[in-house]
Amino acid sequence: MRSRYTAFALGGLGDYLIRTWDTDAIDPALTAEQLDRQEQQWLGLEILDAHENGARATVEFKAHCRPFGAGPAATPQVLHERSRFRRRQGVWRYVDGIIDPPTAATASRNAPCPCGSGKKAKRCCLR
């Protein structure tokens, strides 16, 4: 997760982002050039939670940014996402993400936990 954030923050690393995307999940029309376009100035990454279960993992994070040209006085924006990853041949690859994921507090007790663990909320984050 941190290396993908760094690639977005530095820019010009669209090839790396494509290589770290799961081949079953990436849109074949997506190009490195599209990923190289920087529309934000990335200000920092905050990892909120991470779960690993065998060859699958989730990482919940907030990435802070400011649109280019907005000026230093502009209020920073926050991208809050829960990303899913899959390990293949020893390498973690990005699968997809849920923007502004629901929290465990809003989940019903018997619903799947919003953290992505696969457990019921009452047996996971609502404890």
Protein backbone atom coordinates (compact mmCIF):
# COMPACT_ATOMS: atom_id res chain seq x y z
CA MET A 1 0.00 0.00 0.00
CA ARG A 2 2.73 2.44 0.93
CA SER A 3 4.65 1.80 -2.28
CA ARG A 4 1.53 2.40 -4.41
CA TYR A 5 0.82 5.66 -2.54
CA THR A 6 4.42 6.74 -3.11
CA ALA A 7 4.10 5.98 -6.83
CA PHE A 8 1.00 8.19 -7.03
CA ALA A 9 2.68 10.93 -4.96
CA LEU A 10 5.87 11.00 -7.02
CA GLY A 11 4.08 10.68 -10.35
CA GLY A 12 5.51 9.21 -13.52
CA LEU A 13 5.32 5.66 -12.15
CA GLY A 14 2.20 4.46 -13.96
CA ASP A 15 4.07 1.37 -15.21
CA TYR A 16 4.78 0.38 -11.60
CA LEU A 17 1.14 0.90 -10.62
CA ILE A 18 0.00 -1.35 -13.46
CA ARG A 19 2.55 -4.04 -12.50
CA THR A 20 1.28 -4.02 -8.91
CA TRP A 21 -2.39 -4.34 -9.96
CA ASP A 22 -3.93 -7.82 -9.93
CA THR A 23 -4.17 -9.00 -13.53
CA ASP A 24 -7.70 -10.34 -12.97
CA ALA A 25 -8.92 -7.00 -11.59
CA ILE A 26 -7.32 -4.28 -13.72
CA ASP A 27 -9.27 -2.59 -16.50
CA PRO A 28 -7.43 -3.55 -19.72
CA ALA A 29 -8.10 -0.07 -21.11
CA LEU A 30 -6.18 1.59 -18.24
CA THR A 31 -2.78 2.90 -19.33
CA ALA A 32 0.34 4.02 -17.51
CA GLU A 33 -0.08 7.45 -19.10
CA GLN A 34 -3.51 7.83 -17.49
CA LEU A 35 -2.07 6.93 -14.10
CA ASP A 36 0.82 9.36 -14.62
CA ARG A 37 -1.55 12.35 -14.80
CA GLN A 38 -1.31 14.14 -11.50
CA GLU A 39 -4.33 16.14 -10.48
CA GLN A 40 -3.47 16.36 -6.77
CA GLN A 41 -0.55 17.21 -4.60
CA TRP A 42 -0.37 14.27 -2.18
CA LEU A 43 0.32 15.41 1.39
CA GLY A 44 0.42 12.23 3.43
CA LEU A 45 -0.78 8.69 3.98
CA GLU A 46 -2.45 7.47 7.17
CA ILE A 47 -2.89 3.70 7.55
CA LEU A 48 -5.97 3.11 9.71
CA ASP A 49 -6.19 -0.68 9.70
CA ALA A 50 -4.75 -3.74 7.98
CA HIS A 51 -5.87 -7.38 7.97
CA GLU A 52 -4.15 -10.33 6.34
CA ASN A 53 -5.86 -13.69 5.84
CA GLY A 54 -3.63 -16.07 3.88
CA ALA A 55 -3.24 -14.74 0.35
CA ARG A 56 -5.78 -11.94 0.85
CA ALA A 57 -5.49 -8.68 2.75
CA THR A 58 -7.27 -5.40 3.30
CA VAL A 59 -5.77 -2.03 4.11
CA GLU A 60 -7.90 0.89 5.22
CA PHE A 61 -6.24 4.26 4.77
CA LYS A 62 -6.70 7.98 4.39
CA ALA A 63 -4.62 9.79 1.79
CA HIS A 64 -4.50 13.55 2.22
CA CYS A 65 -4.20 15.72 -0.86
CA ARG A 66 -4.76 19.17 -2.33
CA PRO A 67 -5.80 19.81 -5.95
CA PHE A 68 -2.99 21.33 -8.03
CA GLY A 69 -3.40 25.06 -8.39
CA ALA A 70 -5.54 25.34 -5.25
CA GLY A 71 -2.82 27.11 -3.26
CA PRO A 72 -1.43 26.32 0.18
CA ALA A 73 -4.38 27.98 1.97
CA ALA A 74 -6.88 25.58 0.36
CA THR A 75 -8.42 23.00 2.65
CA PRO A 76 -6.82 19.59 2.06
CA GLN A 77 -9.07 16.79 0.85
CA VAL A 78 -9.08 13.23 2.15
CA LEU A 79 -9.41 10.03 0.14
CA HIS A 80 -10.65 7.36 2.57
CA GLU A 81 -10.50 3.86 1.09
CA ARG A 82 -10.45 0.22 2.09
CA SER A 83 -8.28 -1.57 -0.47
CA ARG A 84 -8.19 -5.29 -1.14
CA PHE A 85 -4.97 -7.06 -2.08
CA ARG A 86 -4.15 -10.58 -3.24
CA ARG A 87 -0.76 -12.28 -2.96
CA ARG A 88 0.35 -14.12 -6.09
CA GLN A 89 3.74 -15.76 -6.43
CA GLY A 90 4.83 -14.03 -3.24
CA VAL A 91 3.88 -10.52 -4.42
CA TRP A 92 0.97 -8.46 -3.10
CA ARG A 93 -1.20 -6.98 -5.86
CA TYR A 94 -3.98 -4.41 -5.64
CA VAL A 95 -7.45 -5.82 -6.44
CA ASP A 96 -9.90 -2.99 -5.75
CA GLY A 97 -11.10 -0.58 -3.12
CA ILE A 98 -14.19 0.86 -1.49
CA ILE A 99 -14.15 4.64 -1.22
CA ASP A 100 -15.48 6.02 2.10
CA PRO A 101 -16.12 2.53 3.51
CA PRO A 102 -18.86 2.00 6.08
CA THR A 103 -17.65 1.70 9.65
CA ALA A 104 -18.30 -1.15 12.05
CA ALA A 105 -20.49 1.18 14.11
CA THR A 106 -23.00 1.37 11.22
CA ALA A 107 -22.99 -2.36 10.53
CA SER A 108 -25.70 -4.58 11.96
CA ARG A 109 -24.46 -7.32 14.29
CA ASN A 110 -25.09 -10.19 11.87
CA ALA A 111 -23.93 -8.40 8.72
CA PRO A 112 -20.47 -9.12 7.28
CA CYS A 113 -17.91 -6.91 8.99
CA PRO A 114 -17.08 -3.82 6.94
CA CYS A 115 -13.35 -4.41 7.56
CA GLY A 116 -13.47 -7.17 4.95
CA SER A 117 -12.41 -9.99 7.29
CA GLY A 118 -15.29 -12.22 6.17
CA LYS A 119 -16.53 -12.59 9.76
CA LYS A 120 -19.82 -11.28 11.13
CA ALA A 121 -19.49 -7.77 12.55
CA LYS A 122 -20.39 -9.00 16.07
CA ARG A 123 -17.44 -11.43 15.99
CA CYS A 124 -14.99 -8.91 14.59
CA CYS A 125 -14.90 -5.11 14.90
CA LEU A 126 -18.01 -4.73 17.07
CA ARG A 127 -16.32 -6.64 19.91
